[in-house]
Amino acid sequence: MCKALSMCMNSVTTSKMKRIFGRLSCVMEKVGRGRINSVYDQYSSAPMLRPASSREDVGHSVLARRNFFSFMSKDQLQTRLQIRHYSSNSSQENCRTLYHGRVPEYLHFHQETSVETQDAVSSSFVVLREFVTEEEEETLLREVEPHLKRLHYEHDHWDDAIHGFRETERSKWGKASSKILARLQEYAFPNQGEKLALMHILDLAKTGVIKPHVDSIRFCGNTICGLCLLSDAVMRLVNVEDKTQVVDIMLWRRSLYLMKDAARYNYTHEVLGEKESYFGSVPVPRERRISIMCRNYPRKEDAT
């Protein structure tokens, strides 16, 4: 009798303990998920869930951060931008002081670069790394390659700005490519009515160079954006009035760059050739590179 009663009590106790541990496990799992998935967004007081459920969500999250990340003022950079720096020369040290040690990883300031230049370029040039995936890069290449293969590489450009290139323009794209490029255009041009319909496709050979130039103000406005495919490259900005003001910009494969206002009007830009392709002291191997560029309409006073 006692043995039967003991077995009955043990069964009840075991059942209760299972229920208690089951509830406790559920609570702990929810707490754990909340701590893992709820990540404080540095740009907002609201929590964000990670990871995004799809590539479209990633794209929308990039667009949502546009007002915080693109073309920041000095004060915004001081409080929000938290990216590592590269170089150790004195000019870079000055920039660390100005931005409290947070220099955008894609910028390298040369020795004599002033604080004014650092501020102007940092607030008018941005690079978004891995803006497209490898699959999206392949999608775009499949669409442009058949057209480019019919062209020969040229070594004479109408304004002598490019050597070793072939180029074309397109306004109509396939469904998959259109979806990718729409994300680019939404990011670069919040007002969609201001962008030019034609996109410029530039195929630069491995040995090709883009020489220093400022894009004609008669044909495009204050914003130029470019999607970099197939190869890394280094772009150099030089102030049109003071040639000692030099900034190098790292353009990674599959990255998107936006050049606006001061960087667009007050600095020449060029893509360094094979032998000169260094970011700071680090060599950047050059391969064939395709860029897909989008611009906006010129200002009325410049179009005439």
Protein backbone atom coordinates (compact mmCIF):
# COMPACT_ATOMS: atom_id res chain seq x y z
CA MET A 1 0.00 0.00 0.00
CA CYS A 2 2.75 2.41 0.98
CA LYS A 3 4.72 1.48 -2.10
CA ALA A 4 1.70 2.17 -4.33
CA LEU A 5 1.05 5.53 -2.61
CA SER A 6 4.70 6.49 -3.00
CA MET A 7 4.64 5.66 -6.70
CA CYS A 8 1.46 7.73 -7.12
CA MET A 9 3.02 10.77 -5.37
CA ASN A 10 6.17 10.46 -7.46
CA SER A 11 4.06 10.39 -10.62
CA VAL A 12 2.18 13.56 -9.56
CA THR A 13 5.40 15.30 -8.60
CA THR A 14 7.04 14.34 -11.88
CA SER A 15 4.04 15.59 -13.85
CA LYS A 16 4.03 18.93 -12.02
CA MET A 17 7.76 19.34 -12.41
CA LYS A 18 7.49 18.68 -16.15
CA ARG A 19 4.82 21.37 -16.45
CA ILE A 20 6.89 23.84 -14.41
CA PHE A 21 10.06 23.18 -16.41
CA GLY A 22 8.07 23.36 -19.65
CA ARG A 23 6.70 26.80 -18.78
CA LEU A 24 10.09 27.99 -17.56
CA SER A 25 11.73 26.80 -20.78
CA CYS A 26 9.14 28.66 -22.86
CA VAL A 27 9.71 31.89 -20.91
CA MET A 28 13.49 31.60 -21.21
CA GLU A 29 13.24 30.95 -24.95
CA LYS A 30 11.14 34.09 -25.46
CA VAL A 31 13.52 36.18 -23.39
CA GLY A 32 16.48 34.78 -25.31
CA ARG A 33 14.89 35.55 -28.65
CA GLY A 34 14.10 39.05 -27.55
CA ARG A 35 17.68 39.68 -26.53
CA ILE A 36 19.15 38.15 -29.65
CA ASN A 37 16.79 39.56 -32.25
CA SER A 38 15.99 42.95 -30.81
CA VAL A 39 18.98 45.09 -31.75
CA TYR A 40 19.14 48.73 -30.82
CA ASP A 41 19.39 50.82 -33.98
CA GLN A 42 22.06 53.48 -33.53
CA TYR A 43 20.00 55.89 -35.61
CA SER A 44 16.73 55.48 -33.71
CA SER A 45 15.31 54.82 -30.27
CA ALA A 46 13.10 52.04 -31.67
CA PRO A 47 14.29 48.42 -31.67
CA MET A 48 14.83 46.67 -34.99
CA LEU A 49 14.52 42.98 -35.74
CA ARG A 50 17.48 41.18 -37.28
CA PRO A 51 18.00 39.58 -39.67
CA ALA A 52 15.75 40.98 -42.36
CA SER A 53 13.53 38.34 -43.89
CA SER A 54 14.50 39.03 -47.51
CA ARG A 55 16.75 41.02 -49.83
CA GLU A 56 13.88 43.47 -50.35
CA ASP A 57 13.78 44.12 -46.60
CA VAL A 58 17.52 44.81 -46.65
CA GLY A 59 16.98 47.26 -49.48
CA HIS A 60 14.18 49.01 -47.63
CA SER A 61 16.29 49.23 -44.46
CA VAL A 62 19.05 50.89 -46.50
CA LEU A 63 16.56 53.35 -47.92
CA ALA A 64 15.15 54.05 -44.48
CA ARG A 65 18.62 55.08 -43.29
CA ARG A 66 19.22 57.37 -46.27
CA ASN A 67 18.47 60.59 -44.41
CA PHE A 68 20.95 59.65 -41.70
CA PHE A 69 23.78 58.19 -43.76
CA SER A 70 23.88 60.13 -47.03
CA PHE A 71 25.70 63.42 -47.30
CA MET A 72 26.01 63.97 -43.58
CA SER A 73 26.87 67.24 -41.96
CA LYS A 74 29.89 67.53 -39.69
CA ASP A 75 27.72 67.30 -36.56
CA GLN A 76 25.95 64.19 -37.84
CA LEU A 77 29.25 62.51 -38.58
CA GLN A 78 30.55 63.28 -35.10
CA THR A 79 27.61 61.62 -33.38
CA ARG A 80 26.49 58.88 -35.75
CA LEU A 81 29.26 57.60 -37.98
CA GLN A 82 31.13 54.76 -36.32
CA ILE A 83 33.43 53.25 -38.94
CA ARG A 84 37.07 52.21 -38.71
CA HIS A 85 39.88 54.22 -40.32
CA TYR A 86 42.86 53.15 -42.43
CA SER A 87 45.84 55.42 -42.81
CA SER A 88 48.22 56.80 -40.23
CA ASN A 89 49.62 59.92 -41.90
CA SER A 90 49.28 63.34 -40.27
CA SER A 91 46.37 64.37 -42.46
CA GLN A 92 44.44 61.30 -41.36
CA GLU A 93 45.31 62.16 -37.75
CA ASN A 94 43.72 65.59 -38.24
CA CYS A 95 40.61 63.92 -39.55
CA ARG A 96 40.48 61.62 -36.55
CA THR A 97 40.51 64.68 -34.33
CA LEU A 98 37.74 66.35 -36.34
CA TYR A 99 35.50 63.26 -36.35
CA HIS A 100 36.53 61.87 -32.95
CA GLY A 101 38.42 58.95 -34.52
CA ARG A 102 35.58 57.87 -36.80
CA VAL A 103 36.81 58.25 -40.38
CA PRO A 104 34.77 56.54 -43.14
CA GLU A 105 36.66 53.42 -44.19
CA TYR A 106 36.37 54.34 -47.87
CA LEU A 107 38.24 57.68 -47.53
CA HIS A 108 42.00 58.25 -47.52
CA PHE A 109 43.16 61.85 -47.09
CA HIS A 110 46.58 62.79 -48.48
CA GLN A 111 49.27 64.49 -46.45
CA GLU A 112 48.30 68.13 -47.00
CA THR A 113 44.54 67.71 -46.99
CA SER A 114 42.88 70.43 -44.94
CA VAL A 115 40.12 70.05 -42.40
CA GLU A 116 37.82 71.97 -44.77
CA THR A 117 38.45 69.43 -47.55
CA GLN A 118 37.95 66.52 -45.18
CA ASP A 119 34.65 67.99 -44.06
CA ALA A 120 33.48 68.83 -47.61
CA VAL A 121 34.22 65.39 -49.07
CA SER A 122 32.98 63.42 -46.05
CA SER A 123 29.62 65.19 -46.27
CA SER A 124 29.17 64.90 -50.05
CA PHE A 125 30.54 61.47 -50.99
CA VAL A 126 29.34 58.13 -49.68
CA VAL A 127 30.11 54.50 -50.56
CA LEU A 128 27.76 51.66 -49.64
CA ARG A 129 29.60 48.37 -49.63
CA GLU A 130 27.87 45.22 -50.98
CA PHE A 131 24.91 47.20 -52.31
CA VAL A 132 24.13 44.24 -54.58
CA THR A 133 24.67 40.53 -54.06
CA GLU A 134 26.77 38.25 -56.26
CA GLU A 135 23.55 36.92 -57.81
CA GLU A 136 22.33 40.45 -58.57
CA GLU A 137 25.68 41.32 -60.08
CA GLU A 138 25.36 38.28 -62.37
CA THR A 139 21.84 39.35 -63.34
CA LEU A 140 23.03 42.79 -64.43
CA LEU A 141 26.07 41.41 -66.26
CA ARG A 142 23.95 38.94 -68.24
CA GLU A 143 21.90 41.85 -69.46
CA VAL A 144 24.69 44.25 -70.44
CA GLU A 145 27.36 41.83 -71.73
CA PRO A 146 25.65 41.00 -75.07
CA HIS A 147 25.51 44.70 -75.95
CA LEU A 148 29.07 45.44 -74.83
CA LYS A 149 30.55 42.50 -76.74
CA ARG A 150 29.45 44.09 -79.99
CA LEU A 151 31.61 47.13 -79.21
CA HIS A 152 35.37 47.59 -79.46
CA TYR A 153 37.47 49.11 -76.69
CA GLU A 154 38.28 52.71 -77.57
CA HIS A 155 41.25 54.88 -76.67
CA ASP A 156 39.88 58.26 -77.75
CA HIS A 157 37.07 60.00 -75.92
CA TRP A 158 35.35 63.20 -77.04
CA ASP A 159 36.74 65.08 -74.03
CA ASP A 160 39.91 62.92 -73.65
CA ALA A 161 38.71 61.80 -70.23
CA ILE A 162 38.74 58.02 -70.73
CA HIS A 163 41.12 55.53 -72.35
CA GLY A 164 40.56 51.80 -72.86
CA PHE A 165 36.79 51.79 -72.63
CA ARG A 166 33.53 50.96 -74.31
CA GLU A 167 30.20 52.44 -73.33
CA THR A 168 26.51 52.46 -74.04
CA GLU A 169 23.29 53.87 -72.59
CA ARG A 170 20.05 52.14 -71.69
CA SER A 171 16.62 53.22 -70.52
CA LYS A 172 14.87 49.84 -70.72
CA TRP A 173 15.86 46.84 -68.60
CA GLY A 174 14.57 43.35 -67.95
CA LYS A 175 12.31 42.72 -64.98
CA ALA A 176 15.01 41.38 -62.64
CA SER A 177 17.51 44.15 -63.48
CA SER A 178 14.84 46.84 -63.20
CA LYS A 179 14.09 45.73 -59.66
CA ILE A 180 17.77 46.01 -58.69
CA LEU A 181 18.27 49.39 -60.34
CA ALA A 182 15.06 50.76 -58.84
CA ARG A 183 16.68 50.30 -55.43
CA LEU A 184 19.68 52.30 -56.60
CA GLN A 185 17.51 55.10 -57.97
CA GLU A 186 15.32 55.27 -54.88
CA TYR A 187 18.40 55.65 -52.72
CA ALA A 188 20.11 58.28 -54.88
CA PHE A 189 17.08 60.28 -55.97
CA PRO A 190 14.29 60.63 -53.40
CA ASN A 191 12.53 62.79 -56.00
CA GLN A 192 12.23 60.27 -58.83
CA GLY A 193 11.20 62.95 -61.32
CA GLU A 194 14.65 64.51 -61.29
CA LYS A 195 16.67 61.51 -62.51
CA LEU A 196 17.69 61.09 -66.15
CA ALA A 197 15.95 58.19 -67.90
CA LEU A 198 19.12 56.95 -69.61
CA MET A 199 21.64 55.02 -67.56
CA HIS A 200 25.27 55.18 -68.60
CA ILE A 201 27.13 51.84 -68.79
CA LEU A 202 30.91 52.16 -68.86
CA ASP A 203 33.15 49.13 -69.45
CA LEU A 204 36.74 49.94 -68.47
CA ALA A 205 39.44 47.48 -69.59
CA LYS A 206 41.96 46.15 -67.08
CA THR A 207 44.52 48.60 -68.45
CA GLY A 208 41.99 51.40 -68.95
CA VAL A 209 41.97 54.70 -67.04
CA ILE A 210 39.54 57.51 -66.36
CA LYS A 211 41.53 60.73 -66.34
CA PRO A 212 40.82 63.71 -64.03
CA HIS A 213 37.66 65.55 -65.09
CA VAL A 214 34.51 67.23 -63.84
CA ASP A 215 31.32 66.03 -65.52
CA SER A 216 29.78 68.74 -67.69
CA ILE A 217 27.24 70.77 -65.74
CA ARG A 218 25.25 71.23 -68.96
CA PHE A 219 24.33 67.56 -69.15
CA CYS A 220 23.81 66.44 -65.55
CA GLY A 221 22.94 67.92 -62.18
CA ASN A 222 24.33 67.82 -58.67
CA THR A 223 24.21 64.04 -58.10
CA ILE A 224 26.08 61.18 -59.77
CA CYS A 225 25.80 57.62 -58.54
CA GLY A 226 27.52 54.51 -59.81
CA LEU A 227 27.27 50.77 -59.23
CA CYS A 228 30.70 49.09 -59.41
CA LEU A 229 30.84 45.60 -60.94
CA LEU A 230 33.58 43.00 -61.62
CA SER A 231 36.51 44.77 -59.91
CA ASP A 232 37.65 46.96 -57.04
CA ALA A 233 39.05 50.36 -57.98
CA VAL A 234 40.37 53.57 -56.44
CA MET A 235 38.82 56.91 -57.31
CA ARG A 236 40.80 60.09 -56.67
CA LEU A 237 39.32 63.54 -56.02
CA VAL A 238 41.47 66.66 -56.48
CA ASN A 239 40.26 70.17 -55.71
CA VAL A 240 39.95 72.18 -58.92
CA GLU A 241 41.52 75.28 -57.33
CA ASP A 242 44.07 73.72 -54.98
CA LYS A 243 45.85 70.63 -56.33
CA THR A 244 47.30 69.82 -52.90
CA GLN A 245 43.83 68.83 -51.70
CA VAL A 246 43.65 65.15 -52.64
CA VAL A 247 41.30 62.43 -51.41
CA ASP A 248 41.34 58.77 -52.48
CA ILE A 249 38.14 56.74 -52.33
CA MET A 250 37.91 52.97 -52.17
CA LEU A 251 35.28 51.59 -54.56
CA TRP A 252 34.73 47.93 -53.79
CA ARG A 253 33.26 45.47 -56.23
CA ARG A 254 29.42 45.49 -55.92
CA SER A 255 29.46 48.77 -54.01
CA LEU A 256 27.42 51.88 -54.78
CA TYR A 257 28.94 55.36 -54.66
CA LEU A 258 27.14 58.69 -54.54
CA MET A 259 28.90 61.92 -55.38
CA LYS A 260 26.99 65.11 -54.72
CA ASP A 261 27.34 68.90 -54.45
CA ALA A 262 30.88 69.82 -53.29
CA ALA A 263 32.48 66.53 -54.39
CA ARG A 264 30.70 66.70 -57.72
CA TYR A 265 31.36 70.37 -58.61
CA ASN A 266 34.56 71.36 -56.77
CA TYR A 267 36.77 68.31 -57.38
CA THR A 268 37.97 66.46 -60.44
CA HIS A 269 37.50 62.70 -60.21
CA GLU A 270 39.47 59.92 -61.85
CA VAL A 271 39.87 56.15 -61.61
CA LEU A 272 43.50 55.21 -61.07
CA GLY A 273 45.23 52.94 -63.55
CA GLU A 274 46.83 49.59 -62.78
CA LYS A 275 50.22 50.92 -61.68
CA GLU A 276 48.81 53.75 -59.55
CA SER A 277 46.00 51.72 -57.97
CA TYR A 278 46.80 52.10 -54.27
CA PHE A 279 44.56 52.95 -51.34
CA GLY A 280 46.96 54.51 -48.86
CA SER A 281 49.88 52.09 -48.95
CA VAL A 282 47.72 49.08 -49.88
CA PRO A 283 47.75 47.95 -53.55
CA VAL A 284 44.30 47.48 -55.08
CA PRO A 285 44.47 44.98 -57.99
CA ARG A 286 42.58 46.19 -61.03
CA GLU A 287 40.58 43.99 -63.38
CA ARG A 288 38.07 44.79 -66.07
CA ARG A 289 35.42 46.97 -64.45
CA ILE A 290 31.85 47.82 -65.42
CA SER A 291 30.00 50.70 -63.82
CA ILE A 292 26.32 51.51 -64.21
CA MET A 293 25.78 55.20 -63.59
CA CYS A 294 22.71 57.31 -63.03
CA ARG A 295 22.53 61.11 -62.96
CA ASN A 296 19.90 63.77 -62.45
CA TYR A 297 18.84 66.67 -64.66
CA PRO A 298 21.13 69.72 -64.76
CA ARG A 299 20.19 72.86 -62.90
CA LYS A 300 18.22 75.32 -65.02
CA GLU A 301 20.94 77.93 -64.84
CA ASP A 302 23.52 75.40 -66.09
CA ALA A 303 21.48 73.85 -68.90
CA THR A 304 21.52 76.96 -71.11
